[in-house]
Protein backbone atom coordinates (compact mmCIF):
# COMPACT_ATOMS: atom_id res chain seq x y z
CA MET A 1 -21.34 55.65 -17.53
CA THR A 2 -21.28 52.05 -16.83
CA LEU A 3 -19.21 49.60 -18.95
CA ASP A 4 -20.57 45.85 -18.86
CA VAL A 5 -16.75 44.16 -19.46
CA LYS A 6 -15.64 40.28 -20.17
CA SER A 7 -14.64 38.98 -16.98
CA ASP A 8 -11.49 37.85 -17.66
CA LYS A 9 -10.55 41.95 -18.85
CA THR A 10 -11.94 43.72 -15.62
CA GLU A 11 -8.80 44.37 -14.25
CA SER A 12 -7.12 44.97 -17.24
CA VAL A 13 -9.83 47.54 -18.66
CA PHE A 14 -10.07 49.19 -15.11
CA LYS A 15 -6.05 49.43 -15.23
CA TYR A 16 -6.24 51.08 -18.73
CA LEU A 17 -8.90 53.45 -17.59
CA GLN A 18 -6.82 54.65 -14.86
CA GLU A 19 -4.10 55.49 -16.50
CA PHE A 20 -5.90 57.09 -19.20
CA ALA A 21 -5.07 60.90 -20.21
CA ALA A 22 -7.46 63.19 -21.05
CA THR A 23 -8.13 64.88 -24.12
CA GLU A 24 -10.04 67.48 -25.77
CA GLU A 25 -13.60 65.90 -25.93
CA ALA A 26 -13.46 64.36 -22.29
CA ALA A 27 -11.52 63.23 -19.12
CA ILE A 28 -11.95 60.69 -16.82
CA SER A 29 -12.99 61.89 -13.30
CA PHE A 30 -14.44 59.13 -11.37
CA LEU A 31 -13.90 55.23 -11.54
CA ALA A 32 -15.14 52.19 -9.63
CA TYR A 33 -15.63 47.93 -9.90
CA THR A 34 -19.28 46.93 -9.66
CA PHE A 35 -18.80 44.06 -8.61
CA TYR A 36 -21.52 41.58 -8.38
CA SER A 37 -23.52 43.10 -11.26
CA TYR A 38 -24.77 41.22 -14.21
CA ASP A 39 -24.42 44.24 -16.23
CA ASN A 40 -22.69 47.28 -14.80
CA ASP A 41 -18.83 45.34 -14.27
CA ILE A 42 -17.73 49.23 -14.22
CA ILE A 43 -18.86 52.46 -12.85
CA LEU A 44 -16.79 55.84 -14.40
CA THR A 45 -17.62 59.73 -14.55
CA LEU A 46 -16.88 61.46 -17.40
CA LEU A 47 -16.34 65.45 -17.92
CA ALA A 48 -16.96 66.50 -20.87
CA PRO A 49 -18.29 70.04 -22.75
CA ASP A 50 -21.19 68.54 -24.03
CA ILE A 51 -23.32 65.58 -24.89
CA LYS A 52 -21.63 65.36 -28.12
CA GLN A 53 -18.03 64.77 -27.21
CA ALA A 54 -19.26 62.47 -24.39
CA GLY A 55 -20.68 60.07 -27.07
CA LYS A 56 -17.55 60.34 -29.70
CA PHE A 57 -15.41 59.96 -26.75
CA VAL A 58 -16.91 57.06 -25.59
CA ASN A 59 -17.24 55.88 -28.80
CA GLU A 60 -14.00 56.36 -30.14
CA LYS A 61 -12.16 55.76 -26.65
CA ILE A 62 -14.33 53.56 -24.55
CA ARG A 63 -16.12 51.41 -26.80
CA THR A 64 -12.94 50.44 -28.26
CA ILE A 65 -11.03 49.07 -25.46
CA GLU A 66 -10.23 45.15 -25.49
CA GLY A 67 -12.96 43.48 -23.21
CA VAL A 68 -15.78 46.35 -23.34
CA ILE A 69 -19.07 44.58 -23.99
CA ASP A 70 -21.86 47.82 -23.87
CA SER A 71 -21.43 50.63 -22.47
CA LEU A 72 -24.75 53.33 -20.76
CA LEU A 73 -23.96 57.03 -21.49
CA TRP A 74 -26.13 59.53 -19.64
CA GLN A 75 -25.92 62.87 -18.83
CA ILE A 76 -25.82 64.14 -15.41
CA GLU A 77 -28.21 66.98 -14.61
CA LYS A 78 -27.93 68.38 -11.06
CA TRP A 79 -25.36 66.90 -8.54
CA HIS A 80 -24.78 67.77 -5.01
CA ILE A 81 -21.51 67.22 -2.37
CA VAL A 82 -23.15 65.03 0.77
CA ILE A 83 -19.46 65.65 2.77
CA PRO A 84 -16.47 67.90 2.89
CA HIS A 85 -13.48 66.54 0.50
CA ASN A 86 -11.21 65.89 3.07
CA GLU A 87 -13.54 63.45 4.99
CA TRP A 88 -14.35 62.25 1.54
CA LEU A 89 -10.39 61.97 1.33
CA GLN A 90 -10.04 60.41 4.36
CA TYR A 91 -12.66 57.49 3.54
CA ILE A 92 -11.64 56.63 -0.20
CA ASN A 93 -7.83 56.04 1.30
CA TYR A 94 -9.01 54.26 4.09
CA PHE A 95 -9.24 50.89 1.79
CA ARG A 96 -6.86 50.44 -1.31
CA MET A 97 -8.78 48.88 -4.25
CA GLU A 98 -5.48 46.88 -5.41
CA ASP A 99 -5.25 44.86 -1.75
CA ILE A 100 -9.02 44.18 -1.74
CA VAL A 101 -9.20 42.85 -5.18
CA SER A 102 -5.63 40.64 -4.56
CA GLU A 103 -6.55 39.38 -1.03
CA GLU A 104 -10.26 38.27 -1.57
CA LEU A 105 -11.06 40.99 1.61
CA TRP A 106 -14.78 40.57 0.29
CA ASP A 107 -17.25 39.86 3.11
CA GLU A 108 -21.31 40.97 3.66
CA SER A 109 -19.53 43.30 6.26
CA TYR A 110 -17.09 45.37 3.89
CA ILE A 111 -19.91 45.09 1.05
CA CYS A 112 -22.28 46.74 3.04
CA ALA A 113 -20.01 49.64 4.13
CA CYS A 114 -19.70 50.88 0.28
């Protein structure tokens, strides 16, 4: 799903979602910033038993977060892992999001590398 968030609340919403505990309805399994987008400030993957439970979770837990303007939820029908888990961990741990955001290290070469 994607979230449109007020610009001054993006960091607090992201941190809130990072610490969000799984519920019976759903669990957040992936979370990312999407800078330079007009609508989609945060992307997250939600694991739920079915789309009805996911929708309930979004309506009750996600859309009620202060700063969330809108959300778009869709069901992933099929997925495929492209690289082995240990290789994925190597790359995902190479850059810490906190360092990139706080030190404003965004440049064209880094963005293209993502």
